[in-house]
All heavy atoms as atom14 arrays in JSON, in Angstrom:
{
  "sequence": "RLYRKMFQVLNSQYTFSEMYLNCISQQMDQLKPFGDVPKKLTVEIK",
  "atom14_mask": [
    [1, 1, 1, 1, 1, 1, 1, 1, 1, 1, 1, 0, 0, 0],
    [1, 1, 1, 1, 1, 1, 1, 1, 0, 0, 0, 0, 0, 0],
    [1, 1, 1, 1, 1, 1, 1, 1, 1, 1, 1, 1, 0, 0],
    [1, 1, 1, 1, 1, 1, 1, 1, 1, 1, 1, 0, 0, 0],
    [1, 1, 1, 1, 1, 1, 1, 1, 1, 0, 0, 0, 0, 0],
    [1, 1, 1, 1, 1, 1, 1, 1, 0, 0, 0, 0, 0, 0],
    [1, 1, 1, 1, 1, 1, 1, 1, 1, 1, 1, 0, 0, 0],
    [1, 1, 1, 1, 1, 1, 1, 1, 1, 0, 0, 0, 0, 0],
    [1, 1, 1, 1, 1, 1, 1, 0, 0, 0, 0, 0, 0, 0],
    [1, 1, 1, 1, 1, 1, 1, 1, 0, 0, 0, 0, 0, 0],
    [1, 1, 1, 1, 1, 1, 1, 1, 0, 0, 0, 0, 0, 0],
    [1, 1, 1, 1, 1, 1, 0, 0, 0, 0, 0, 0, 0, 0],
    [1, 1, 1, 1, 1, 1, 1, 1, 1, 0, 0, 0, 0, 0],
    [1, 1, 1, 1, 1, 1, 1, 1, 1, 1, 1, 1, 0, 0],
    [1, 1, 1, 1, 1, 1, 1, 0, 0, 0, 0, 0, 0, 0],
    [1, 1, 1, 1, 1, 1, 1, 1, 1, 1, 1, 0, 0, 0],
    [1, 1, 1, 1, 1, 1, 0, 0, 0, 0, 0, 0, 0, 0],
    [1, 1, 1, 1, 1, 1, 1, 1, 1, 0, 0, 0, 0, 0],
    [1, 1, 1, 1, 1, 1, 1, 1, 0, 0, 0, 0, 0, 0],
    [1, 1, 1, 1, 1, 1, 1, 1, 1, 1, 1, 1, 0, 0],
    [1, 1, 1, 1, 1, 1, 1, 1, 0, 0, 0, 0, 0, 0],
    [1, 1, 1, 1, 1, 1, 1, 1, 0, 0, 0, 0, 0, 0],
    [1, 1, 1, 1, 1, 1, 0, 0, 0, 0, 0, 0, 0, 0],
    [1, 1, 1, 1, 1, 1, 1, 1, 0, 0, 0, 0, 0, 0],
    [1, 1, 1, 1, 1, 1, 0, 0, 0, 0, 0, 0, 0, 0],
    [1, 1, 1, 1, 1, 1, 1, 1, 1, 0, 0, 0, 0, 0],
    [1, 1, 1, 1, 1, 1, 1, 1, 1, 0, 0, 0, 0, 0],
    [1, 1, 1, 1, 1, 1, 1, 1, 0, 0, 0, 0, 0, 0],
    [1, 1, 1, 1, 1, 1, 1, 1, 0, 0, 0, 0, 0, 0],
    [1, 1, 1, 1, 1, 1, 1, 1, 1, 0, 0, 0, 0, 0],
    [1, 1, 1, 1, 1, 1, 1, 1, 0, 0, 0, 0, 0, 0],
    [1, 1, 1, 1, 1, 1, 1, 1, 1, 0, 0, 0, 0, 0],
    [1, 1, 1, 1, 1, 1, 1, 0, 0, 0, 0, 0, 0, 0],
    [1, 1, 1, 1, 1, 1, 1, 1, 1, 1, 1, 0, 0, 0],
    [1, 1, 1, 1, 0, 0, 0, 0, 0, 0, 0, 0, 0, 0],
    [1, 1, 1, 1, 1, 1, 1, 1, 0, 0, 0, 0, 0, 0],
    [1, 1, 1, 1, 1, 1, 1, 0, 0, 0, 0, 0, 0, 0],
    [1, 1, 1, 1, 1, 1, 1, 0, 0, 0, 0, 0, 0, 0],
    [1, 1, 1, 1, 1, 1, 1, 1, 1, 0, 0, 0, 0, 0],
    [1, 1, 1, 1, 1, 1, 1, 1, 1, 0, 0, 0, 0, 0],
    [1, 1, 1, 1, 1, 1, 1, 1, 0, 0, 0, 0, 0, 0],
    [1, 1, 1, 1, 1, 1, 1, 0, 0, 0, 0, 0, 0, 0],
    [1, 1, 1, 1, 1, 1, 1, 0, 0, 0, 0, 0, 0, 0],
    [1, 1, 1, 1, 1, 1, 1, 1, 1, 0, 0, 0, 0, 0],
    [1, 1, 1, 1, 1, 1, 1, 1, 0, 0, 0, 0, 0, 0],
    [1, 1, 1, 1, 1, 1, 1, 1, 1, 0, 0, 0, 0, 0]
  ],
  "atom14_positions": [
    [[77.79, 101.11, 91.07], [78.26, 101.09, 89.67], [79.18, 102.26, 89.39], [80.2, 102.12, 88.7], [77.07, 101.12, 88.71], [76.27, 99.83, 88.7], [75.04, 99.94, 87.84], [75.41, 100.06, 86.44], [74.56, 100.47, 85.49], [73.33, 100.8, 85.8], [74.94, 100.55, 84.24], [0.0, 0.0, 0.0], [0.0, 0.0, 0.0], [0.0, 0.0, 0.0]],
    [[78.81, 103.43, 89.91], [79.63, 104.63, 89.68], [81.01, 104.45, 90.32], [82.03, 104.77, 89.7], [78.92, 105.86, 90.26], [79.63, 107.2, 90.07], [79.81, 107.51, 88.59], [78.84, 108.3, 90.77], [0.0, 0.0, 0.0], [0.0, 0.0, 0.0], [0.0, 0.0, 0.0], [0.0, 0.0, 0.0], [0.0, 0.0, 0.0], [0.0, 0.0, 0.0]],
    [[81.04, 103.94, 91.54], [82.31, 103.73, 92.22], [83.2, 102.74, 91.46], [84.38, 102.97, 91.25], [82.07, 103.26, 93.66], [83.34, 102.98, 94.42], [84.35, 103.92, 94.5], [83.52, 101.77, 95.08], [85.52, 103.67, 95.21], [84.68, 101.5, 95.79], [85.68, 102.46, 95.85], [86.83, 102.21, 96.54], [0.0, 0.0, 0.0], [0.0, 0.0, 0.0]],
    [[82.6, 101.64, 91.03], [83.36, 100.64, 90.27], [83.94, 101.26, 89.0], [85.12, 101.07, 88.67], [82.45, 99.48, 89.85], [82.12, 98.51, 90.93], [81.06, 97.55, 90.39], [80.81, 96.5, 91.31], [80.97, 95.2, 91.03], [81.37, 94.83, 89.84], [80.71, 94.29, 91.93], [0.0, 0.0, 0.0], [0.0, 0.0, 0.0], [0.0, 0.0, 0.0]],
    [[83.08, 101.99, 88.29], [83.52, 102.58, 87.02], [84.61, 103.63, 87.27], [85.62, 103.67, 86.54], [82.32, 103.21, 86.3], [82.63, 103.67, 84.91], [83.26, 102.61, 84.04], [82.34, 101.53, 83.58], [82.98, 100.57, 82.68], [0.0, 0.0, 0.0], [0.0, 0.0, 0.0], [0.0, 0.0, 0.0], [0.0, 0.0, 0.0], [0.0, 0.0, 0.0]],
    [[84.45, 104.45, 88.29], [85.47, 105.46, 88.59], [86.79, 104.79, 88.98], [87.86, 105.23, 88.58], [85.0, 106.39, 89.71], [83.96, 107.38, 89.24], [83.38, 108.45, 90.56], [84.87, 109.34, 90.96], [0.0, 0.0, 0.0], [0.0, 0.0, 0.0], [0.0, 0.0, 0.0], [0.0, 0.0, 0.0], [0.0, 0.0, 0.0], [0.0, 0.0, 0.0]],
    [[86.69, 103.71, 89.75], [87.89, 102.98, 90.16], [88.62, 102.45, 88.93], [89.85, 102.55, 88.83], [87.51, 101.85, 91.12], [88.69, 101.16, 91.71], [89.34, 101.68, 92.83], [89.18, 99.98, 91.16], [90.45, 101.04, 93.38], [90.29, 99.34, 91.7], [90.93, 99.87, 92.81], [0.0, 0.0, 0.0], [0.0, 0.0, 0.0], [0.0, 0.0, 0.0]],
    [[87.85, 101.89, 88.01], [88.46, 101.35, 86.79], [89.07, 102.46, 85.93], [90.18, 102.31, 85.4], [87.42, 100.59, 85.97], [87.02, 99.28, 86.59], [85.87, 98.64, 85.83], [84.88, 99.29, 85.52], [86.02, 97.36, 85.53], [0.0, 0.0, 0.0], [0.0, 0.0, 0.0], [0.0, 0.0, 0.0], [0.0, 0.0, 0.0], [0.0, 0.0, 0.0]],
    [[88.37, 103.57, 85.8], [88.86, 104.68, 84.97], [90.11, 105.31, 85.59], [91.08, 105.6, 84.88], [87.75, 105.74, 84.76], [88.3, 107.03, 84.18], [86.66, 105.18, 83.87], [0.0, 0.0, 0.0], [0.0, 0.0, 0.0], [0.0, 0.0, 0.0], [0.0, 0.0, 0.0], [0.0, 0.0, 0.0], [0.0, 0.0, 0.0], [0.0, 0.0, 0.0]],
    [[90.09, 105.51, 86.88], [91.24, 106.14, 87.55], [92.46, 105.22, 87.62], [93.58, 105.68, 87.83], [90.85, 106.6, 88.95], [89.83, 107.76, 89.0], [89.38, 108.02, 90.42], [90.42, 109.01, 88.36], [0.0, 0.0, 0.0], [0.0, 0.0, 0.0], [0.0, 0.0, 0.0], [0.0, 0.0, 0.0], [0.0, 0.0, 0.0], [0.0, 0.0, 0.0]],
    [[92.2, 103.93, 87.46], [93.3, 102.95, 87.48], [93.33, 102.19, 86.15], [93.48, 100.97, 86.11], [93.11, 101.97, 88.64], [93.2, 102.66, 89.98], [94.27, 103.08, 90.39], [92.06, 102.8, 90.64], [0.0, 0.0, 0.0], [0.0, 0.0, 0.0], [0.0, 0.0, 0.0], [0.0, 0.0, 0.0], [0.0, 0.0, 0.0], [0.0, 0.0, 0.0]],
    [[93.18, 102.92, 85.07], [93.03, 102.3, 83.75], [94.27, 101.52, 83.3], [94.17, 100.72, 82.38], [92.67, 103.35, 82.7], [93.66, 104.35, 82.65], [0.0, 0.0, 0.0], [0.0, 0.0, 0.0], [0.0, 0.0, 0.0], [0.0, 0.0, 0.0], [0.0, 0.0, 0.0], [0.0, 0.0, 0.0], [0.0, 0.0, 0.0], [0.0, 0.0, 0.0]],
    [[95.36, 101.73, 83.95], [96.57, 100.98, 83.59], [96.49, 99.52, 84.04], [97.3, 98.7, 83.63], [97.84, 101.66, 84.14], [98.01, 101.62, 85.64], [97.33, 102.79, 86.37], [96.36, 103.36, 85.88], [97.85, 103.13, 87.53], [0.0, 0.0, 0.0], [0.0, 0.0, 0.0], [0.0, 0.0, 0.0], [0.0, 0.0, 0.0], [0.0, 0.0, 0.0]],
    [[95.5, 99.2, 84.9], [95.33, 97.84, 85.42], [94.03, 97.24, 84.9], [93.09, 97.95, 84.55], [95.3, 97.84, 86.95], [96.53, 98.46, 87.58], [96.45, 99.72, 88.18], [97.75, 97.8, 87.59], [97.57, 100.3, 88.76], [98.88, 98.37, 88.16], [98.78, 99.63, 88.74], [99.88, 100.2, 89.31], [0.0, 0.0, 0.0], [0.0, 0.0, 0.0]],
    [[93.99, 95.93, 84.93], [92.76, 95.2, 84.6], [92.32, 94.49, 85.87], [93.13, 93.82, 86.53], [93.02, 94.17, 83.48], [93.54, 94.85, 82.35], [91.74, 93.45, 83.12], [0.0, 0.0, 0.0], [0.0, 0.0, 0.0], [0.0, 0.0, 0.0], [0.0, 0.0, 0.0], [0.0, 0.0, 0.0], [0.0, 0.0, 0.0], [0.0, 0.0, 0.0]],
    [[91.06, 94.65, 86.21], [90.54, 94.07, 87.46], [89.53, 92.99, 87.16], [88.68, 93.14, 86.26], [89.89, 95.17, 88.32], [90.83, 96.28, 88.66], [90.76, 97.5, 88.0], [91.8, 96.12, 89.64], [91.62, 98.54, 88.31], [92.67, 97.14, 89.95], [92.59, 98.36, 89.29], [0.0, 0.0, 0.0], [0.0, 0.0, 0.0], [0.0, 0.0, 0.0]],
    [[89.6, 91.92, 87.92], [88.62, 90.85, 87.77], [87.31, 91.28, 88.43], [87.27, 92.19, 89.27], [89.14, 89.57, 88.44], [89.16, 89.73, 89.85], [0.0, 0.0, 0.0], [0.0, 0.0, 0.0], [0.0, 0.0, 0.0], [0.0, 0.0, 0.0], [0.0, 0.0, 0.0], [0.0, 0.0, 0.0], [0.0, 0.0, 0.0], [0.0, 0.0, 0.0]],
    [[86.25, 90.61, 88.07], [84.93, 90.9, 88.66], [84.96, 90.64, 90.17], [84.35, 91.36, 90.95], [83.85, 90.04, 87.98], [82.44, 90.42, 88.34], [82.05, 91.85, 87.95], [82.59, 92.39, 86.98], [81.19, 92.42, 88.65], [0.0, 0.0, 0.0], [0.0, 0.0, 0.0], [0.0, 0.0, 0.0], [0.0, 0.0, 0.0], [0.0, 0.0, 0.0]],
    [[85.7, 89.62, 90.57], [85.82, 89.3, 92.0], [86.49, 90.46, 92.75], [86.06, 90.84, 93.85], [86.62, 88.0, 92.19], [86.53, 87.42, 93.58], [87.2, 85.75, 93.59], [88.8, 86.08, 94.29], [0.0, 0.0, 0.0], [0.0, 0.0, 0.0], [0.0, 0.0, 0.0], [0.0, 0.0, 0.0], [0.0, 0.0, 0.0], [0.0, 0.0, 0.0]],
    [[87.51, 91.02, 92.17], [88.21, 92.15, 92.79], [87.27, 93.35, 92.89], [87.2, 94.02, 93.93], [89.45, 92.5, 91.96], [90.34, 93.51, 92.63], [91.32, 93.11, 93.54], [90.23, 94.87, 92.33], [92.15, 94.04, 94.16], [91.06, 95.8, 92.94], [92.01, 95.39, 93.86], [92.83, 96.3, 94.46], [0.0, 0.0, 0.0], [0.0, 0.0, 0.0]],
    [[86.53, 93.63, 91.83], [85.59, 94.76, 91.83], [84.45, 94.53, 92.85], [84.01, 95.48, 93.5], [85.03, 95.0, 90.43], [86.03, 95.53, 89.41], [85.43, 95.54, 88.02], [86.55, 96.9, 89.81], [0.0, 0.0, 0.0], [0.0, 0.0, 0.0], [0.0, 0.0, 0.0], [0.0, 0.0, 0.0], [0.0, 0.0, 0.0], [0.0, 0.0, 0.0]],
    [[84.02, 93.3, 92.99], [83.02, 92.98, 94.01], [83.56, 93.25, 95.41], [82.85, 93.78, 96.27], [82.56, 91.52, 93.9], [81.64, 91.3, 92.75], [81.0, 92.22, 92.25], [81.55, 90.06, 92.28], [0.0, 0.0, 0.0], [0.0, 0.0, 0.0], [0.0, 0.0, 0.0], [0.0, 0.0, 0.0], [0.0, 0.0, 0.0], [0.0, 0.0, 0.0]],
    [[84.79, 92.89, 95.62], [85.43, 93.13, 96.92], [85.51, 94.62, 97.2], [85.21, 95.07, 98.31], [86.83, 92.5, 96.93], [87.69, 92.71, 98.51], [0.0, 0.0, 0.0], [0.0, 0.0, 0.0], [0.0, 0.0, 0.0], [0.0, 0.0, 0.0], [0.0, 0.0, 0.0], [0.0, 0.0, 0.0], [0.0, 0.0, 0.0], [0.0, 0.0, 0.0]],
    [[85.87, 95.4, 96.21], [85.92, 96.86, 96.37], [84.54, 97.41, 96.69], [84.38, 98.26, 97.57], [86.5, 97.52, 95.09], [87.99, 97.23, 95.01], [86.23, 99.01, 95.06], [88.61, 97.7, 93.72], [0.0, 0.0, 0.0], [0.0, 0.0, 0.0], [0.0, 0.0, 0.0], [0.0, 0.0, 0.0], [0.0, 0.0, 0.0], [0.0, 0.0, 0.0]],
    [[83.54, 96.91, 96.0], [82.16, 97.37, 96.25], [81.73, 97.08, 97.68], [81.05, 97.89, 98.31], [81.19, 96.67, 95.29], [81.37, 97.16, 94.0], [0.0, 0.0, 0.0], [0.0, 0.0, 0.0], [0.0, 0.0, 0.0], [0.0, 0.0, 0.0], [0.0, 0.0, 0.0], [0.0, 0.0, 0.0], [0.0, 0.0, 0.0], [0.0, 0.0, 0.0]],
    [[82.12, 95.92, 98.18], [81.74, 95.55, 99.54], [82.41, 96.45, 100.58], [81.92, 96.6, 101.69], [82.1, 94.08, 99.8], [81.23, 93.13, 99.01], [81.73, 91.69, 99.09], [82.74, 91.4, 99.71], [81.02, 90.79, 98.43], [0.0, 0.0, 0.0], [0.0, 0.0, 0.0], [0.0, 0.0, 0.0], [0.0, 0.0, 0.0], [0.0, 0.0, 0.0]],
    [[83.52, 97.06, 100.21], [84.25, 97.94, 101.14], [83.83, 99.41, 100.99], [84.35, 100.27, 101.69], [85.76, 97.81, 100.9], [86.29, 96.42, 101.07], [85.95, 95.82, 102.43], [86.09, 96.47, 103.45], [85.48, 94.58, 102.43], [0.0, 0.0, 0.0], [0.0, 0.0, 0.0], [0.0, 0.0, 0.0], [0.0, 0.0, 0.0], [0.0, 0.0, 0.0]],
    [[82.88, 99.67, 100.12], [82.5, 101.05, 99.84], [81.99, 101.78, 101.08], [82.29, 102.95, 101.28], [81.44, 101.1, 98.73], [81.28, 102.47, 98.14], [80.39, 102.44, 96.59], [78.82, 103.07, 97.13], [0.0, 0.0, 0.0], [0.0, 0.0, 0.0], [0.0, 0.0, 0.0], [0.0, 0.0, 0.0], [0.0, 0.0, 0.0], [0.0, 0.0, 0.0]],
    [[81.23, 101.1, 101.93], [80.73, 101.74, 103.15], [81.86, 102.18, 104.08], [81.75, 103.2, 104.75], [79.78, 100.81, 103.91], [78.41, 100.72, 103.26], [78.06, 101.63, 102.48], [77.68, 99.74, 103.52], [0.0, 0.0, 0.0], [0.0, 0.0, 0.0], [0.0, 0.0, 0.0], [0.0, 0.0, 0.0], [0.0, 0.0, 0.0], [0.0, 0.0, 0.0]],
    [[82.92, 101.41, 104.11], [84.06, 101.77, 104.97], [84.96, 102.81, 104.31], [85.45, 103.72, 104.97], [84.88, 100.52, 105.3], [84.14, 99.56, 106.21], [84.91, 98.26, 106.4], [85.78, 97.92, 105.6], [84.59, 97.54, 107.47], [0.0, 0.0, 0.0], [0.0, 0.0, 0.0], [0.0, 0.0, 0.0], [0.0, 0.0, 0.0], [0.0, 0.0, 0.0]],
    [[85.15, 102.69, 103.0], [86.03, 103.61, 102.29], [85.39, 104.99, 102.07], [86.09, 105.99, 102.01], [86.44, 103.02, 100.94], [87.24, 101.73, 100.99], [87.44, 101.16, 99.6], [88.59, 101.98, 101.66], [0.0, 0.0, 0.0], [0.0, 0.0, 0.0], [0.0, 0.0, 0.0], [0.0, 0.0, 0.0], [0.0, 0.0, 0.0], [0.0, 0.0, 0.0]],
    [[84.07, 104.99, 101.91], [83.3, 106.22, 101.67], [83.94, 107.11, 100.6], [84.3, 108.25, 100.87], [83.11, 107.0, 102.96], [82.29, 106.26, 103.98], [81.97, 107.14, 105.16], [81.21, 106.3, 106.15], [80.16, 106.93, 106.8], [0.0, 0.0, 0.0], [0.0, 0.0, 0.0], [0.0, 0.0, 0.0], [0.0, 0.0, 0.0], [0.0, 0.0, 0.0]],
    [[84.03, 106.6, 99.38], [84.68, 107.4, 98.33], [83.92, 108.68, 97.99], [84.5, 109.63, 97.49], [84.7, 106.44, 97.13], [83.58, 105.49, 97.39], [83.53, 105.33, 98.88], [0.0, 0.0, 0.0], [0.0, 0.0, 0.0], [0.0, 0.0, 0.0], [0.0, 0.0, 0.0], [0.0, 0.0, 0.0], [0.0, 0.0, 0.0], [0.0, 0.0, 0.0]],
    [[82.62, 108.71, 98.28], [81.81, 109.9, 98.0], [81.41, 110.62, 99.28], [80.53, 111.47, 99.27], [80.55, 109.51, 97.22], [80.83, 108.75, 95.95], [80.43, 107.43, 95.81], [81.48, 109.36, 94.89], [80.67, 106.73, 94.64], [81.73, 108.66, 93.72], [81.33, 107.35, 93.6], [0.0, 0.0, 0.0], [0.0, 0.0, 0.0], [0.0, 0.0, 0.0]],
    [[82.03, 110.24, 100.39], [81.66, 110.83, 101.68], [80.25, 110.43, 102.07], [79.84, 109.29, 101.87], [0.0, 0.0, 0.0], [0.0, 0.0, 0.0], [0.0, 0.0, 0.0], [0.0, 0.0, 0.0], [0.0, 0.0, 0.0], [0.0, 0.0, 0.0], [0.0, 0.0, 0.0], [0.0, 0.0, 0.0], [0.0, 0.0, 0.0], [0.0, 0.0, 0.0]],
    [[79.49, 111.39, 102.62], [78.1, 111.12, 103.01], [77.1, 111.43, 101.91], [75.89, 111.35, 102.11], [77.75, 111.96, 104.25], [78.43, 111.46, 105.51], [78.84, 110.28, 105.53], [78.56, 112.24, 106.46], [0.0, 0.0, 0.0], [0.0, 0.0, 0.0], [0.0, 0.0, 0.0], [0.0, 0.0, 0.0], [0.0, 0.0, 0.0], [0.0, 0.0, 0.0]],
    [[77.59, 111.81, 100.74], [76.72, 112.21, 99.64], [75.7, 111.12, 99.27], [74.51, 111.43, 99.13], [77.54, 112.65, 98.41], [76.66, 112.85, 97.19], [78.31, 113.92, 98.73], [0.0, 0.0, 0.0], [0.0, 0.0, 0.0], [0.0, 0.0, 0.0], [0.0, 0.0, 0.0], [0.0, 0.0, 0.0], [0.0, 0.0, 0.0], [0.0, 0.0, 0.0]],
    [[76.1, 109.85, 99.12], [75.1, 108.84, 98.75], [73.93, 108.75, 99.75], [72.77, 108.7, 99.34], [75.89, 107.53, 98.72], [77.28, 107.97, 98.41], [77.45, 109.28, 99.13], [0.0, 0.0, 0.0], [0.0, 0.0, 0.0], [0.0, 0.0, 0.0], [0.0, 0.0, 0.0], [0.0, 0.0, 0.0], [0.0, 0.0, 0.0], [0.0, 0.0, 0.0]],
    [[74.24, 108.76, 101.04], [73.17, 108.65, 102.04], [72.28, 109.89, 102.03], [71.06, 109.79, 102.05], [73.75, 108.42, 103.43], [74.29, 107.02, 103.6], [74.8, 106.76, 104.99], [75.36, 105.34, 105.02], [75.92, 104.96, 106.27], [0.0, 0.0, 0.0], [0.0, 0.0, 0.0], [0.0, 0.0, 0.0], [0.0, 0.0, 0.0], [0.0, 0.0, 0.0]],
    [[72.91, 111.06, 102.0], [72.14, 112.31, 102.0], [71.3, 112.44, 100.75], [70.12, 112.8, 100.82], [73.08, 113.52, 102.13], [73.69, 113.67, 103.5], [74.63, 114.86, 103.54], [75.27, 115.0, 104.92], [76.21, 116.13, 104.95], [0.0, 0.0, 0.0], [0.0, 0.0, 0.0], [0.0, 0.0, 0.0], [0.0, 0.0, 0.0], [0.0, 0.0, 0.0]],
    [[71.89, 112.15, 99.6], [71.17, 112.25, 98.34], [70.02, 111.24, 98.28], [68.92, 111.58, 97.82], [72.13, 112.05, 97.17], [71.6, 112.37, 95.79], [71.21, 113.83, 95.69], [72.66, 112.04, 94.74], [0.0, 0.0, 0.0], [0.0, 0.0, 0.0], [0.0, 0.0, 0.0], [0.0, 0.0, 0.0], [0.0, 0.0, 0.0], [0.0, 0.0, 0.0]],
    [[70.27, 110.04, 98.75], [69.22, 109.02, 98.76], [68.05, 109.46, 99.62], [66.89, 109.33, 99.2], [69.79, 107.67, 99.26], [70.82, 107.24, 98.36], [68.71, 106.61, 99.35], [0.0, 0.0, 0.0], [0.0, 0.0, 0.0], [0.0, 0.0, 0.0], [0.0, 0.0, 0.0], [0.0, 0.0, 0.0], [0.0, 0.0, 0.0], [0.0, 0.0, 0.0]],
    [[68.32, 109.98, 100.8], [67.25, 110.45, 101.68], [66.45, 111.57, 101.02], [65.22, 111.56, 101.02], [67.81, 110.91, 103.05], [66.78, 111.69, 103.85], [68.32, 109.73, 103.85], [0.0, 0.0, 0.0], [0.0, 0.0, 0.0], [0.0, 0.0, 0.0], [0.0, 0.0, 0.0], [0.0, 0.0, 0.0], [0.0, 0.0, 0.0], [0.0, 0.0, 0.0]],
    [[67.15, 112.53, 100.43], [66.47, 113.67, 99.8], [65.66, 113.27, 98.58], [64.52, 113.71, 98.4], [67.48, 114.77, 99.44], [68.12, 115.44, 100.63], [67.11, 116.11, 101.56], [66.16, 116.75, 101.07], [67.27, 115.97, 102.78], [0.0, 0.0, 0.0], [0.0, 0.0, 0.0], [0.0, 0.0, 0.0], [0.0, 0.0, 0.0], [0.0, 0.0, 0.0]],
    [[66.25, 112.45, 97.73], [65.53, 112.0, 96.52], [64.32, 111.17, 96.92], [63.22, 111.37, 96.39], [66.46, 111.22, 95.58], [67.43, 112.19, 94.9], [65.67, 110.45, 94.54], [68.48, 111.53, 94.04], [0.0, 0.0, 0.0], [0.0, 0.0, 0.0], [0.0, 0.0, 0.0], [0.0, 0.0, 0.0], [0.0, 0.0, 0.0], [0.0, 0.0, 0.0]],
    [[64.51, 110.26, 97.85], [63.4, 109.41, 98.27], [62.28, 110.26, 98.87], [61.1, 110.08, 98.53], [63.89, 108.38, 99.28], [62.87, 107.32, 99.61], [63.46, 106.23, 100.46], [62.43, 105.18, 100.76], [62.95, 104.11, 101.59], [0.0, 0.0, 0.0], [0.0, 0.0, 0.0], [0.0, 0.0, 0.0], [0.0, 0.0, 0.0], [0.0, 0.0, 0.0]]
  ]
}
């Protein structure tokens, strides 16, 4: 959700369909917009 929202905010001049945002979400593991933070934080919090 954070990645989607940041993508929309940083590209506010465009309007994205839900399908496009779903596609971006599916590529999050490859794009790693937050680096290793999600995995590390998840392990530590858990």
